[in-house]
Amino acid sequence: MPVARTLRVVVAPIDELRALAETAPTSTPVLQAYLAKVRSGAYAVTDADVEELKEAGLTEDEIFEATTGVAIAEGLRRLEAAERVIG
């Protein structure tokens, strides 16, 4: 299957992911600091980071939604950067 044809099939799901990522919660300062860590190096996130969010009043669902939303957004940002370089 040619690459161009494959890319056309993937466009709609990527747009859907982008829309979902834009709705992720980012409201509190403690959450913003955590999400910055997820963006720059998710491998460095620890249980202590998550516990700090819970102590600040966030639920596990809120933490999950924020984490996945920002991870998706960052992945898409990197994909777009690669597409610009590749042409």
Protein backbone atom coordinates (compact mmCIF):
# COMPACT_ATOMS: atom_id res chain seq x y z
CA MET A 1 0.00 0.00 0.00
CA PRO A 2 1.52 3.39 -0.98
CA VAL A 3 2.43 5.71 1.89
CA ALA A 4 0.15 8.53 0.67
CA ARG A 5 -2.86 6.23 0.69
CA THR A 6 -2.02 5.02 4.21
CA LEU A 7 -1.67 8.59 5.49
CA ARG A 8 -5.12 9.55 4.20
CA VAL A 9 -6.67 6.71 6.19
CA VAL A 10 -4.97 7.89 9.40
CA VAL A 11 -5.89 11.59 9.17
CA ALA A 12 -9.34 11.32 10.77
CA PRO A 13 -8.14 9.39 13.85
CA ILE A 14 -5.29 11.88 14.33
CA ASP A 15 -7.75 14.76 14.17
CA GLU A 16 -9.91 12.96 16.71
CA LEU A 17 -6.91 12.46 19.01
CA ARG A 18 -6.00 16.13 18.67
CA ALA A 19 -9.52 17.19 19.64
CA LEU A 20 -9.53 14.87 22.65
CA ALA A 21 -6.12 16.10 23.80
CA GLU A 22 -7.35 19.68 23.74
CA THR A 23 -10.06 18.85 26.30
CA ALA A 24 -7.66 17.41 28.90
CA PRO A 25 -7.68 19.24 32.26
CA THR A 26 -4.68 21.49 33.00
CA SER A 27 -6.15 23.89 35.54
CA THR A 28 -4.20 23.79 38.80
CA PRO A 29 -0.58 24.92 39.27
CA VAL A 30 0.43 21.54 40.73
CA LEU A 31 -1.12 19.80 37.72
CA GLN A 32 0.61 22.19 35.32
CA ALA A 33 4.01 21.39 36.87
CA TYR A 34 3.31 17.67 36.61
CA LEU A 35 2.19 17.98 32.98
CA ALA A 36 5.34 19.92 32.11
CA LYS A 37 7.28 16.93 33.44
CA VAL A 38 5.17 14.56 31.33
CA ARG A 39 5.83 16.69 28.22
CA SER A 40 9.58 16.95 28.70
CA GLY A 41 10.35 13.47 30.01
CA ALA A 42 7.50 11.17 30.95
CA TYR A 43 10.04 8.51 31.88
CA ALA A 44 10.91 10.62 34.95
CA VAL A 45 7.37 10.66 36.41
CA THR A 46 7.28 8.80 39.72
CA ASP A 47 4.64 7.48 42.09
CA ALA A 48 5.48 10.43 44.33
CA ASP A 49 4.43 12.83 41.56
CA VAL A 50 1.06 11.11 41.29
CA GLU A 51 0.64 11.02 45.07
CA GLU A 52 1.28 14.78 45.21
CA LEU A 53 -1.58 15.30 42.76
CA LYS A 54 -3.87 13.08 44.80
CA GLU A 55 -2.97 15.02 47.95
CA ALA A 56 -3.86 18.21 46.07
CA GLY A 57 -7.37 16.80 45.57
CA LEU A 58 -7.21 15.33 42.08
CA THR A 59 -8.79 11.96 41.41
CA GLU A 60 -7.02 9.13 39.61
CA ASP A 61 -9.37 9.64 36.66
CA GLU A 62 -8.47 13.34 36.44
CA ILE A 63 -4.76 12.51 36.62
CA PHE A 64 -5.14 9.83 33.94
CA GLU A 65 -7.09 12.12 31.60
CA ALA A 66 -4.60 14.95 32.01
CA THR A 67 -1.62 12.63 31.54
CA THR A 68 -2.93 10.93 28.43
CA GLY A 69 -4.16 14.22 26.98
CA VAL A 70 -0.81 15.94 27.30
CA ALA A 71 1.09 12.84 26.14
CA ILE A 72 -1.07 12.66 23.01
CA ALA A 73 -0.65 16.38 22.36
CA GLU A 74 3.13 16.12 22.75
CA GLY A 75 3.28 13.07 20.49
CA LEU A 76 1.29 14.91 17.83
CA ARG A 77 3.54 17.96 18.18
CA ARG A 78 6.58 15.76 17.58
CA LEU A 79 4.87 14.03 14.65
CA GLU A 80 4.15 17.41 13.04
CA ALA A 81 7.75 18.49 13.58
CA ALA A 82 8.98 15.31 11.88
CA GLU A 83 6.57 15.83 8.99
CA ARG A 84 7.92 19.37 8.49
CA VAL A 85 11.50 18.05 8.35
CA ILE A 86 10.65 15.16 6.05
CA GLY A 87 8.54 17.34 3.80
